[in-house]
PDB file of N, CA and C in Angstrom:
ATOM      1  N   MET A   1     -17.223   3.586 106.242  1.00  0.00           N
ATOM      2  CA  MET A   1     -18.437   3.405 105.660  1.00  0.00           C
ATOM      3  C   MET A   1     -19.263   4.702 105.634  1.00  0.00           C
ATOM      4  N   ASP A   2     -19.609   5.174 104.559  1.00  0.00           N
ATOM      5  CA  ASP A   2     -20.182   6.591 104.380  1.00  0.00           C
ATOM      6  C   ASP A   2     -21.800   6.547 104.620  1.00  0.00           C
ATOM      7  N   ALA A   3     -22.098   6.635 105.807  1.00  0.00           N
ATOM      8  CA  ALA A   3     -23.548   6.536 106.261  1.00  0.00           C
ATOM      9  C   ALA A   3     -24.133   7.762 106.721  1.00  0.00           C
ATOM     10  N   GLN A   4     -25.475   8.209 106.620  1.00  0.00           N
ATOM     11  CA  GLN A   4     -26.071   9.191 107.090  1.00  0.00           C
ATOM     12  C   GLN A   4     -27.307   8.890 107.824  1.00  0.00           C
ATOM     13  N   ARG A   5     -27.515   9.037 109.173  1.00  0.00           N
ATOM     14  CA  ARG A   5     -28.695   8.933 109.642  1.00  0.00           C
ATOM     15  C   ARG A   5     -29.769  10.058 109.601  1.00  0.00           C
ATOM     16  N   ILE A   6     -30.909   9.562 109.183  1.00  0.00           N
ATOM     17  CA  ILE A   6     -31.969  10.575 108.692  1.00  0.00           C
ATOM     18  C   ILE A   6     -33.262  10.270 109.610  1.00  0.00           C
ATOM     19  N   GLU A   7     -33.621  11.317 110.315  1.00  0.00           N
ATOM     20  CA  GLU A   7     -34.839  11.106 111.055  1.00  0.00           C
ATOM     21  C   GLU A   7     -36.162  11.673 110.401  1.00  0.00           C
ATOM     22  N   SER A   8     -37.072  11.071 110.616  1.00  0.00           N
ATOM     23  CA  SER A   8     -38.427  11.776 110.049  1.00  0.00           C
ATOM     24  C   SER A   8     -38.609  13.301 110.744  1.00  0.00           C
ATOM     25  N   GLY A   9     -39.211  14.057 109.748  1.00  0.00           N
ATOM     26  CA  GLY A   9     -39.493  15.489 110.179  1.00  0.00           C
ATOM     27  C   GLY A   9     -38.364  16.346 110.139  1.00  0.00           C
ATOM     28  N   THR A  10     -37.039  16.029 109.495  1.00  0.00           N
ATOM     29  CA  THR A  10     -35.873  16.765 109.237  1.00  0.00           C
ATOM     30  C   THR A  10     -35.962  16.952 107.888  1.00  0.00           C
ATOM     31  N   PRO A  11     -35.114  18.201 107.544  1.00  0.00           N
ATOM     32  CA  PRO A  11     -35.128  18.690 106.029  1.00  0.00           C
ATOM     33  C   PRO A  11     -34.849  17.318 105.070  1.00  0.00           C
ATOM     34  N   ASP A  12     -33.714  16.450 105.607  1.00  0.00           N
ATOM     35  CA  ASP A  12     -33.364  15.322 104.909  1.00  0.00           C
ATOM     36  C   ASP A  12     -34.509  14.420 104.790  1.00  0.00           C
ATOM     37  N   GLY A  13     -34.968  14.047 105.704  1.00  0.00           N
ATOM     38  CA  GLY A  13     -36.325  13.199 105.870  1.00  0.00           C
ATOM     39  C   GLY A  13     -37.303  13.799 104.852  1.00  0.00           C
ATOM     40  N   ASP A  14     -37.691  14.961 105.097  1.00  0.00           N
ATOM     41  CA  ASP A  14     -38.751  15.541 104.153  1.00  0.00           C
ATOM     42  C   ASP A  14     -38.311  15.353 102.688  1.00  0.00           C
ATOM     43  N   ALA A  15     -37.075  15.526 102.389  1.00  0.00           N
ATOM     44  CA  ALA A  15     -36.673  15.346 100.990  1.00  0.00           C
ATOM     45  C   ALA A  15     -37.013  14.063 100.512  1.00  0.00           C
ATOM     46  N   LEU A  16     -37.016  13.092 101.260  1.00  0.00           N
ATOM     47  CA  LEU A  16     -37.143  11.568 100.932  1.00  0.00           C
ATOM     48  C   LEU A  16     -38.689  11.353 101.151  1.00  0.00           C
ATOM     49  N   GLY A  17     -39.549  12.181 101.387  1.00  0.00           N
ATOM     50  CA  GLY A  17     -41.059  11.984 101.657  1.00  0.00           C
ATOM     51  C   GLY A  17     -41.126  11.205 103.022  1.00  0.00           C
ATOM     52  N   PHE A  18     -40.317  11.379 103.830  1.00  0.00           N
ATOM     53  CA  PHE A  18     -40.486  10.851 105.373  1.00  0.00           C
ATOM     54  C   PHE A  18     -40.815  11.857 106.346  1.00  0.00           C
ATOM     55  N   PHE A  19     -41.882  12.372 106.025  1.00  0.00           N
ATOM     56  CA  PHE A  19     -42.583  13.542 106.667  1.00  0.00           C
ATOM     57  C   PHE A  19     -43.087  13.241 108.168  1.00  0.00           C
ATOM     58  N   GLU A  20     -42.697  14.072 108.968  1.00  0.00           N
ATOM     59  CA  GLU A  20     -43.148  13.967 110.521  1.00  0.00           C
ATOM     60  C   GLU A  20     -44.775  13.722 110.606  1.00  0.00           C
ATOM     61  N   SER A  21     -45.389  14.399 109.704  1.00  0.00           N
ATOM     62  CA  SER A  21     -46.957  14.508 109.772  1.00  0.00           C
ATOM     63  C   SER A  21     -47.432  12.911 109.599  1.00  0.00           C
ATOM     64  N   LEU A  22     -46.623  12.123 108.686  1.00  0.00           N
ATOM     65  CA  LEU A  22     -47.006  10.845 108.525  1.00  0.00           C
ATOM     66  C   LEU A  22     -46.380   9.585 109.176  1.00  0.00           C
ATOM     67  N   TYR A  23     -44.972   9.960 109.593  1.00  0.00           N
ATOM     68  CA  TYR A  23     -44.211   8.818 110.149  1.00  0.00           C
ATOM     69  C   TYR A  23     -43.333   9.473 111.278  1.00  0.00           C
ATOM     70  N   SER A  24     -43.126   8.477 112.178  1.00  0.00           N
ATOM     71  CA  SER A  24     -42.057   8.554 113.061  1.00  0.00           C
ATOM     72  C   SER A  24     -41.091   7.643 112.920  1.00  0.00           C
ATOM     73  N   GLY A  25     -39.578   7.780 113.011  1.00  0.00           N
ATOM     74  CA  GLY A  25     -38.875   6.796 112.573  1.00  0.00           C
ATOM     75  C   GLY A  25     -37.436   7.356 112.275  1.00  0.00           C
ATOM     76  N   TRP A  26     -36.614   6.420 111.915  1.00  0.00           N
ATOM     77  CA  TRP A  26     -35.144   6.772 111.212  1.00  0.00           C
ATOM     78  C   TRP A  26     -34.831   5.680 110.369  1.00  0.00           C
ATOM     79  N   LEU A  27     -33.857   6.379 109.547  1.00  0.00           N
ATOM     80  CA  LEU A  27     -33.470   5.481 108.250  1.00  0.00           C
ATOM     81  C   LEU A  27     -31.886   5.992 107.936  1.00  0.00           C
ATOM     82  N   GLU A  28     -31.334   5.309 107.428  1.00  0.00           N
ATOM     83  CA  GLU A  28     -29.733   5.524 107.043  1.00  0.00           C
ATOM     84  C   GLU A  28     -29.710   5.452 105.578  1.00  0.00           C
ATOM     85  N   ILE A  29     -28.968   6.495 104.896  1.00  0.00           N
ATOM     86  CA  ILE A  29     -28.629   6.280 103.517  1.00  0.00           C
ATOM     87  C   ILE A  29     -27.105   5.954 103.445  1.00  0.00           C
ATOM     88  N   ARG A  30     -26.675   5.077 102.613  1.00  0.00           N
ATOM     89  CA  ARG A  30     -25.395   4.977 102.359  1.00  0.00           C
ATOM     90  C   ARG A  30     -24.895   5.022 100.820  1.00  0.00           C
ATOM     91  N   GLU A  31     -23.601   4.698 100.810  1.00  0.00           N
ATOM     92  CA  GLU A  31     -23.118   4.689  99.234  1.00  0.00           C
ATOM     93  C   GLU A  31     -23.907   3.798  98.399  1.00  0.00           C
ATOM     94  N   ASN A  32     -23.851   4.100  97.094  1.00  0.00           N
ATOM     95  CA  ASN A  32     -24.559   3.358  96.200  1.00  0.00           C
ATOM     96  C   ASN A  32     -26.076   3.420  96.093  1.00  0.00           C
ATOM     97  N   HIS A  33     -26.684   4.637  96.663  1.00  0.00           N
ATOM     98  CA  HIS A  33     -28.248   4.716  96.740  1.00  0.00           C
ATOM     99  C   HIS A  33     -28.728   3.599  97.620  1.00  0.00           C
ATOM    100  N   ARG A  34     -27.949   3.411  98.554  1.00  0.00           N
ATOM    101  CA  ARG A  34     -28.684   2.134  99.592  1.00  0.00           C
ATOM    102  C   ARG A  34     -29.364   2.837 100.827  1.00  0.00           C
ATOM    103  N   LEU A  35     -30.598   2.476 100.885  1.00  0.00           N
ATOM    104  CA  LEU A  35     -31.430   2.902 101.875  1.00  0.00           C
ATOM    105  C   LEU A  35     -31.758   1.915 102.859  1.00  0.00           C
ATOM    106  N   TYR A  36     -31.393   2.198 104.238  1.00  0.00           N
ATOM    107  CA  TYR A  36     -31.669   1.113 105.335  1.00  0.00           C
ATOM    108  C   TYR A  36     -32.911   1.818 106.194  1.00  0.00           C
ATOM    109  N   LEU A  37     -34.042   1.181 106.230  1.00  0.00           N
ATOM    110  CA  LEU A  37     -34.949   1.611 107.050  1.00  0.00           C
ATOM    111  C   LEU A  37     -34.879   0.959 108.303  1.00  0.00           C
ATOM    112  N   HIS A  38     -34.541   1.528 109.454  1.00  0.00           N
ATOM    113  CA  HIS A  38     -34.217   1.064 110.740  1.00  0.00           C
ATOM    114  C   HIS A  38     -35.678   0.973 111.485  1.00  0.00           C
ATOM    115  N   PHE A  39     -36.429   2.011 111.564  1.00  0.00           N
ATOM    116  CA  PHE A  39     -37.696   2.099 112.355  1.00  0.00           C
ATOM    117  C   PHE A  39     -38.554   2.961 111.810  1.00  0.00           C
ATOM    118  N   ILE A  40     -39.859   2.618 111.535  1.00  0.00           N
ATOM    119  CA  ILE A  40     -40.975   3.535 111.030  1.00  0.00           C
ATOM    120  C   ILE A  40     -42.329   3.262 111.908  1.00  0.00           C
ATOM    121  N   ILE A  41     -42.968   4.262 112.140  1.00  0.00           N
ATOM    122  CA  ILE A  41     -44.270   4.034 112.788  1.00  0.00           C
ATOM    123  C   ILE A  41     -45.080   5.034 111.767  1.00  0.00           C
ATOM    124  N   SER A  42     -46.152   4.407 111.436  1.00  0.00           N
ATOM    125  CA  SER A  42     -47.178   5.282 110.577  1.00  0.00           C
ATOM    126  C   SER A  42     -48.002   6.057 111.492  1.00  0.00           C
ATOM    127  N   ARG A  43     -48.195   7.433 111.435  1.00  0.00           N
ATOM    128  CA  ARG A  43     -49.139   8.093 112.149  1.00  0.00           C
ATOM    129  C   ARG A  43     -50.565   7.799 111.811  1.00  0.00           C
ATOM    130  N   ASN A  44     -50.814   7.400 110.722  1.00  0.00           N
ATOM    131  CA  ASN A  44     -52.206   7.164 110.019  1.00  0.00           C
ATOM    132  C   ASN A  44     -52.290   5.661 109.642  1.00  0.00           C
ATOM    133  N   LYS A  45     -52.682   4.777 110.599  1.00  0.00           N
ATOM    134  CA  LYS A  45     -52.601   3.330 110.384  1.00  0.00           C
ATOM    135  C   LYS A  45     -53.639   2.890 109.125  1.00  0.00           C
ATOM    136  N   ASN A  46     -53.182   1.989 108.623  1.00  0.00           N
ATOM    137  CA  ASN A  46     -53.978   1.319 107.619  1.00  0.00           C
ATOM    138  C   ASN A  46     -54.549   2.126 106.416  1.00  0.00           C
ATOM    139  N   GLU A  47     -53.626   3.228 106.086  1.00  0.00           N
ATOM    140  CA  GLU A  47     -54.013   4.028 104.931  1.00  0.00           C
ATOM    141  C   GLU A  47     -52.911   3.860 103.811  1.00  0.00           C
ATOM    142  N   GLY A  48     -52.098   2.973 103.831  1.00  0.00           N
ATOM    143  CA  GLY A  48     -51.094   2.652 102.952  1.00  0.00           C
ATOM    144  C   GLY A  48     -49.998   3.560 102.745  1.00  0.00           C
ATOM    145  N   ASN A  49     -49.775   4.312 103.638  1.00  0.00           N
ATOM    146  CA  ASN A  49     -48.692   5.395 103.554  1.00  0.00           C
ATOM    147  C   ASN A  49     -47.286   4.848 103.373  1.00  0.00           C
ATOM    148  N   THR A  50     -47.057   3.603 104.357  1.00  0.00           N
ATOM    149  CA  THR A  50     -45.731   3.187 104.520  1.00  0.00           C
ATOM    150  C   THR A  50     -45.544   2.276 103.171  1.00  0.00           C
ATOM    151  N   GLN A  51     -46.490   1.691 102.705  1.00  0.00           N
ATOM    152  CA  GLN A  51     -46.151   0.984 101.251  1.00  0.00           C
ATOM    153  C   GLN A  51     -45.960   1.992 100.377  1.00  0.00           C
ATOM    154  N   ALA A  52     -46.727   2.936 100.286  1.00  0.00           N
ATOM    155  CA  ALA A  52     -46.448   4.002  99.274  1.00  0.00           C
ATOM    156  C   ALA A  52     -45.084   4.598  99.444  1.00  0.00           C
ATOM    157  N   LEU A  53     -44.766   4.745 100.634  1.00  0.00           N
ATOM    158  CA  LEU A  53     -43.306   5.481 100.758  1.00  0.00           C
ATOM    159  C   LEU A  53     -42.122   4.563 100.248  1.00  0.00           C
ATOM    160  N   ILE A  54     -42.280   3.141 100.440  1.00  0.00           N
ATOM    161  CA  ILE A  54     -41.300   2.287 100.070  1.00  0.00           C
ATOM    162  C   ILE A  54     -41.355   2.123  98.598  1.00  0.00           C
ATOM    163  N   ARG A  55     -42.431   2.143  97.895  1.00  0.00           N
ATOM    164  CA  ARG A  55     -42.669   2.236  96.318  1.00  0.00           C
ATOM    165  C   ARG A  55     -41.937   3.423  95.944  1.00  0.00           C
ATOM    166  N   GLN A  56     -42.354   4.630  96.446  1.00  0.00           N
ATOM    167  CA  GLN A  56     -41.692   5.996  95.961  1.00  0.00           C
ATOM    168  C   GLN A  56     -40.131   5.623  96.121  1.00  0.00           C
ATOM    169  N   TRP A  57     -39.544   5.235  97.261  1.00  0.00           N
ATOM    170  CA  TRP A  57     -38.145   5.095  97.149  1.00  0.00           C
ATOM    171  C   TRP A  57     -37.626   3.917  96.117  1.00  0.00           C
ATOM    172  N   LEU A  58     -38.264   2.930  95.859  1.00  0.00           N
ATOM    173  CA  LEU A  58     -37.777   2.046  94.839  1.00  0.00           C
ATOM    174  C   LEU A  58     -37.848   2.574  93.359  1.00  0.00           C
ATOM    175  N   ALA A  59     -39.012   3.470  93.287  1.00  0.00           N
ATOM    176  CA  ALA A  59     -39.035   3.948  91.979  1.00  0.00           C
ATOM    177  C   ALA A  59     -38.056   5.136  91.681  1.00  0.00           C
ATOM    178  N   GLN A  60     -37.495   5.742  92.782  1.00  0.00           N
ATOM    179  CA  GLN A  60     -36.424   6.573  92.749  1.00  0.00           C
ATOM    180  C   GLN A  60     -35.135   5.917  92.634  1.00  0.00           C
ATOM    181  N   GLY A  61     -35.185   4.756  92.477  1.00  0.00           N
ATOM    182  CA  GLY A  61     -33.883   4.042  92.370  1.00  0.00           C
ATOM    183  C   GLY A  61     -32.968   3.430  93.695  1.00  0.00           C
ATOM    184  N   TYR A  62     -33.533   3.785  94.811  1.00  0.00           N
ATOM    185  CA  TYR A  62     -33.051   3.284  95.904  1.00  0.00           C
ATOM    186  C   TYR A  62     -32.945   1.886  96.304  1.00  0.00           C
ATOM    187  N   ASP A  63     -31.793   1.056  96.663  1.00  0.00           N
ATOM    188  CA  ASP A  63     -31.683  -0.282  96.977  1.00  0.00           C
ATOM    189  C   ASP A  63     -32.314  -0.079  98.418  1.00  0.00           C
ATOM    190  N   VAL A  64     -33.584  -0.488  98.584  1.00  0.00           N
ATOM    191  CA  VAL A  64     -34.251  -0.275  99.903  1.00  0.00           C
ATOM    192  C   VAL A  64     -33.928  -1.592 100.766  1.00  0.00           C
ATOM    193  N   ARG A  65     -33.563  -1.457 101.881  1.00  0.00           N
ATOM    194  CA  ARG A  65     -33.328  -2.541 102.758  1.00  0.00           C
ATOM    195  C   ARG A  65     -34.028  -2.193 104.310  1.00  0.00           C
ATOM    196  N   VAL A  66     -34.790  -3.156 104.658  1.00  0.00           N
ATOM    197  CA  VAL A  66     -35.700  -2.929 106.059  1.00  0.00           C
ATOM    198  C   VAL A  66     -34.847  -3.889 107.029  1.00  0.00           C
ATOM    199  N   VAL A  67     -34.519  -3.238 108.251  1.00  0.00           N
ATOM    200  CA  VAL A  67     -33.871  -3.912 109.342  1.00  0.00           C
ATOM    201  C   VAL A  67     -34.824  -4.429 110.298  1.00  0.00           C
ATOM    202  N   MET A  68     -34.759  -5.522 110.522  1.00  0.00           N
ATOM    203  CA  MET A  68     -35.474  -6.636 111.572  1.00  0.00           C
ATOM    204  C   MET A  68     -37.008  -6.087 111.371  1.00  0.00           C
ATOM    205  N   PRO A  69     -37.659  -6.248 110.418  1.00  0.00           N
ATOM    206  CA  PRO A  69     -39.040  -5.852 110.295  1.00  0.00           C
ATOM    207  C   PRO A  69     -40.090  -6.818 111.042  1.00  0.00           C
ATOM    208  N   ARG A  70     -40.948  -5.950 111.718  1.00  0.00           N
ATOM    209  CA  ARG A  70     -42.070  -6.488 112.634  1.00  0.00           C
ATOM    210  C   ARG A  70     -42.815  -7.362 111.720  1.00  0.00           C
ATOM    211  N   PRO A  71     -43.699  -8.153 112.136  1.00  0.00           N
ATOM    212  CA  PRO A  71     -44.707  -9.030 111.310  1.00  0.00           C
ATOM    213  C   PRO A  71     -45.431  -8.146 110.395  1.00  0.00           C
ATOM    214  N   ILE A  72     -46.200  -7.019 110.768  1.00  0.00           N
ATOM    215  CA  ILE A  72     -46.953  -6.372 109.939  1.00  0.00           C
ATOM    216  C   ILE A  72     -46.213  -5.569 108.793  1.00  0.00           C
ATOM    217  N   MET A  73     -44.826  -5.325 109.143  1.00  0.00           N
ATOM    218  CA  MET A  73     -44.009  -4.663 108.018  1.00  0.00           C
ATOM    219  C   MET A  73     -43.614  -5.924 107.074  1.00  0.00           C
ATOM    220  N   GLN A  74     -43.308  -7.053 107.600  1.00  0.00           N
ATOM    221  CA  GLN A  74     -43.099  -8.192 106.633  1.00  0.00           C
ATOM    222  C   GLN A  74     -44.135  -8.469 105.677  1.00  0.00           C
ATOM    223  N   HIS A  75     -45.430  -8.266 106.333  1.00  0.00           N
ATOM    224  CA  HIS A  75     -46.523  -8.531 105.210  1.00  0.00           C
ATOM    225  C   HIS A  75     -46.379  -7.461 104.166  1.00  0.00           C
ATOM    226  N   ILE A  76     -46.265  -6.232 104.522  1.00  0.00           N
ATOM    227  CA  ILE A  76     -46.130  -5.208 103.439  1.00  0.00           C
ATOM    228  C   ILE A  76     -44.931  -5.483 102.416  1.00  0.00           C
ATOM    229  N   LEU A  77     -43.784  -6.096 102.907  1.00  0.00           N
ATOM    230  CA  LEU A  77     -42.682  -6.426 102.266  1.00  0.00           C
ATOM    231  C   LEU A  77     -42.778  -7.485 101.417  1.00  0.00           C
ATOM    232  N   LYS A  78     -43.470  -8.491 101.813  1.00  0.00           N
ATOM    233  CA  LYS A  78     -43.909  -9.667 100.821  1.00  0.00           C
ATOM    234  C   LYS A  78     -44.559  -9.203  99.867  1.00  0.00           C
ATOM    235  N   LYS A  79     -45.615  -8.326 100.019  1.00  0.00           N
ATOM    236  CA  LYS A  79     -46.395  -7.753  98.761  1.00  0.00           C
ATOM    237  C   LYS A  79     -45.500  -7.084  97.886  1.00  0.00           C
ATOM    238  N   LEU A  80     -44.416  -6.397  98.294  1.00  0.00           N
ATOM    239  CA  LEU A  80     -43.581  -5.703  97.475  1.00  0.00           C
ATOM    240  C   LEU A  80     -42.326  -6.701  96.942  1.00  0.00           C
ATOM    241  N   GLN A  81     -42.482  -7.982  97.151  1.00  0.00           N
ATOM    242  CA  GLN A  81     -41.531  -9.090  96.576  1.00  0.00           C
ATOM    243  C   GLN A  81     -40.116  -8.937  97.433  1.00  0.00           C
ATOM    244  N   PHE A  82     -40.216  -8.353  98.711  1.00  0.00           N
ATOM    245  CA  PHE A  82     -38.745  -8.292  99.357  1.00  0.00           C
ATOM    246  C   PHE A  82     -38.721  -9.815  99.899  1.00  0.00           C
ATOM    247  N   THR A  83     -37.466 -10.128 100.209  1.00  0.00           N
ATOM    248  CA  THR A  83     -37.063 -11.527 100.823  1.00  0.00           C
ATOM    249  C   THR A  83     -36.105 -11.265 101.953  1.00  0.00           C
ATOM    250  N   PRO A  84     -36.158 -12.173 103.071  1.00  0.00           N
ATOM    251  CA  PRO A  84     -35.277 -11.879 104.143  1.00  0.00           C
ATOM    252  C   PRO A  84     -33.777 -12.472 103.646  1.00  0.00           C
ATOM    253  N   SER A  85     -32.968 -11.667 104.414  1.00  0.00           N
ATOM    254  CA  SER A  85     -31.397 -11.969 104.321  1.00  0.00           C
ATOM    255  C   SER A  85     -30.794 -11.566 105.328  1.00  0.00           C
ATOM    256  N   MET A  86     -29.502 -11.684 105.420  1.00  0.00           N
ATOM    257  CA  MET A  86     -28.815 -11.522 106.888  1.00  0.00           C
ATOM    258  C   MET A  86     -27.477 -10.365 106.457  1.00  0.00           C
ATOM    259  N   GLU A  87     -27.358  -9.484 107.279  1.00  0.00           N
ATOM    260  CA  GLU A  87     -26.153  -8.557 107.053  1.00  0.00           C
ATOM    261  C   GLU A  87     -25.720  -8.228 108.555  1.00  0.00           C
ATOM    262  N   THR A  88     -24.263  -7.585 108.602  1.00  0.00           N
ATOM    263  CA  THR A  88     -23.847  -6.979 109.730  1.00  0.00           C
ATOM    264  C   THR A  88     -23.944  -5.645 109.520  1.00  0.00           C
ATOM    265  N   LEU A  89     -24.474  -4.894 110.588  1.00  0.00           N
ATOM    266  CA  LEU A  89     -24.407  -3.330 110.713  1.00  0.00           C
ATOM    267  C   LEU A  89     -23.881  -3.001 111.953  1.00  0.00           C
ATOM    268  N   PRO A  90     -22.368  -3.134 112.098  1.00  0.00           N
ATOM    269  CA  PRO A  90     -21.777  -2.975 113.350  1.00  0.00           C
ATOM    270  C   PRO A  90     -21.947  -1.568 113.797  1.00  0.00           C
ATOM    271  N   GLU A  91     -22.369  -0.444 112.947  1.00  0.00           N
ATOM    272  CA  GLU A  91     -22.464   0.798 113.600  1.00  0.00           C
ATOM    273  C   GLU A  91     -23.526   0.841 114.411  1.00  0.00           C
ATOM    274  N   TRP A  92     -24.769  -0.242 114.433  1.00  0.00           N
ATOM    275  CA  TRP A  92     -25.926  -0.008 115.096  1.00  0.00           C
ATOM    276  C   TRP A  92     -26.104  -1.162 116.038  1.00  0.00           C
ATOM    277  N   TYR A  93     -25.898  -2.418 115.288  1.00  0.00           N
ATOM    278  CA  TYR A  93     -26.191  -3.731 116.103  1.00  0.00           C
ATOM    279  C   TYR A  93     -25.129  -4.606 116.267  1.00  0.00           C
ATOM    280  N   GLU A  94     -25.171  -5.566 117.374  1.00  0.00           N
ATOM    281  CA  GLU A  94     -24.181  -6.556 117.413  1.00  0.00           C
ATOM    282  C   GLU A  94     -24.434  -7.755 116.734  1.00  0.00           C
ATOM    283  N   GLY A  95     -23.533  -8.406 116.047  1.00  0.00           N
ATOM    284  CA  GLY A  95     -23.662  -9.600 115.393  1.00  0.00           C
ATOM    285  C   GLY A  95     -24.520  -9.395 114.172  1.00  0.00           C
ATOM    286  N   ILE A  96     -25.092 -10.507 113.451  1.00  0.00           N
ATOM    287  CA  ILE A  96     -25.765 -10.495 112.379  1.00  0.00           C
ATOM    288  C   ILE A  96     -27.221 -10.310 112.478  1.00  0.00           C
ATOM    289  N   VAL A  97     -27.716  -9.275 111.614  1.00  0.00           N
ATOM    290  CA  VAL A  97     -29.188  -8.978 111.913  1.00  0.00           C
ATOM    291  C   VAL A  97     -29.996  -9.327 110.576  1.00  0.00           C
ATOM    292  N   GLU A  98     -31.405  -9.510 110.810  1.00  0.00           N
ATOM    293  CA  GLU A  98     -32.115  -9.912 109.655  1.00  0.00           C
ATOM    294  C   GLU A  98     -32.356  -8.455 108.923  1.00  0.00           C
ATOM    295  N   ILE A  99     -32.280  -8.582 107.498  1.00  0.00           N
ATOM    296  CA  ILE A  99     -32.578  -7.530 106.487  1.00  0.00           C
ATOM    297  C   ILE A  99     -33.495  -8.069 105.362  1.00  0.00           C
ATOM    298  N   TRP A 100     -34.486  -7.363 105.223  1.00  0.00           N
ATOM    299  CA  TRP A 100     -35.504  -7.539 104.081  1.00  0.00           C
ATOM    300  C   TRP A 100     -35.130  -6.806 102.801  1.00  0.00           C
ATOM    301  N   ARG A 101     -34.941  -7.233 101.560  1.00  0.00           N
ATOM    302  CA  ARG A 101     -34.674  -6.552 100.458  1.00  0.00           C
ATOM    303  C   ARG A 101     -35.184  -7.237  99.348  1.00  0.00           C
ATOM    304  N   ARG A 102     -35.183  -6.678  98.243  1.00  0.00           N
ATOM    305  CA  ARG A 102     -35.519  -7.223  96.931  1.00  0.00           C
ATOM    306  C   ARG A 102     -34.234  -7.833  96.256  1.00  0.00           C
ATOM    307  N   PRO A 103     -34.467  -8.890  95.642  1.00  0.00           N
ATOM    308  CA  PRO A 103     -33.268  -9.505  94.650  1.00  0.00           C
ATOM    309  C   PRO A 103     -32.684  -8.467  93.881  1.00  0.00           C
ATOM    310  N   LYS A 104     -31.478  -8.715  93.650  1.00  0.00           N
ATOM    311  CA  LYS A 104     -30.569  -7.734  93.036  1.00  0.00           C
ATOM    312  C   LYS A 104     -30.963  -7.544  91.471  1.00  0.00           C
ATOM    313  N   ALA A 105     -31.470  -8.596  90.848  1.00  0.00           N
ATOM    314  CA  ALA A 105     -31.900  -8.536  89.435  1.00  0.00           C
ATOM    315  C   ALA A 105     -33.045  -7.485  89.357  1.00  0.00           C
ATOM    316  N   TRP A 106     -33.907  -7.484  90.477  1.00  0.00           N
ATOM    317  CA  TRP A 106     -34.906  -6.534  90.483  1.00  0.00           C
ATOM    318  C   TRP A 106     -34.511  -4.930  90.451  1.00  0.00           C
ATOM    319  N   LEU A 107     -33.323  -4.642  90.880  1.00  0.00           N
ATOM    320  CA  LEU A 107     -32.781  -3.345  91.135  1.00  0.00           C
ATOM    321  C   LEU A 107     -32.177  -2.676  89.894  1.00  0.00           C
ATOM    322  N   LEU A 108     -32.180  -3.698  88.720  1.00  0.00           N
ATOM    323  CA  LEU A 108     -31.486  -2.958  87.587  1.00  0.00           C
ATOM    324  C   LEU A 108     -32.384  -2.090  86.823  1.00  0.00           C
ATOM    325  N   PRO A 109     -32.040  -0.998  86.257  1.00  0.00           N
ATOM    326  CA  PRO A 109     -32.779  -0.126  85.464  1.00  0.00           C
ATOM    327  C   PRO A 109     -33.615  -0.788  84.454  1.00  0.00           C
ATOM    328  N   GLY A 110     -34.953  -0.526  84.338  1.00  0.00           N
ATOM    329  CA  GLY A 110     -35.621  -0.968  83.208  1.00  0.00           C
ATOM    330  C   GLY A 110     -36.264  -2.484  83.718  1.00  0.00           C
ATOM    331  N   SER A 111     -35.860  -3.054  84.843  1.00  0.00           N
ATOM    332  CA  SER A 111     -36.522  -4.275  85.141  1.00  0.00           C
ATOM    333  C   SER A 111     -37.812  -4.096  85.533  1.00  0.00           C
ATOM    334  N   SER A 112     -38.597  -5.199  85.588  1.00  0.00           N
ATOM    335  CA  SER A 112     -40.100  -5.004  85.835  1.00  0.00           C
ATOM    336  C   SER A 112     -40.175  -5.834  87.150  1.00  0.00           C
ATOM    337  N   GLY A 113     -39.727  -5.326  88.193  1.00  0.00           N
ATOM    338  CA  GLY A 113     -39.794  -6.023  89.499  1.00  0.00           C
ATOM    339  C   GLY A 113     -41.042  -5.665  90.364  1.00  0.00           C
ATOM    340  N   ASP A 114     -41.812  -4.636  89.949  1.00  0.00           N
ATOM    341  CA  ASP A 114     -43.098  -4.211  90.595  1.00  0.00           C
ATOM    342  C   ASP A 114     -44.183  -4.918  90.002  1.00  0.00           C
TER     343      ASP A 114
END
């Protein structure tokens, strides 16, 4: 599996808008433009930065998936029409884990999933 771990505040993180001044956390980029957000903390609570970041990634064509989101993140994801599913990520977790993502039909170019 071709996966790249990216931390906030690194050059790769900055290129994705995952700036250390706004966030602490890490994500993973995989083949087929798939982005797994494993952990994020917004440094400026209640300013909409996390939602804006996820919207930016979606607009850039990433298949965004959020790993085991906490309730506050689930609230954001529901607004963005993400739904829960299950996957295995053996590089990081044992067994099957909860992953939130958008339905595949909404990932097609020109679809109106937003």
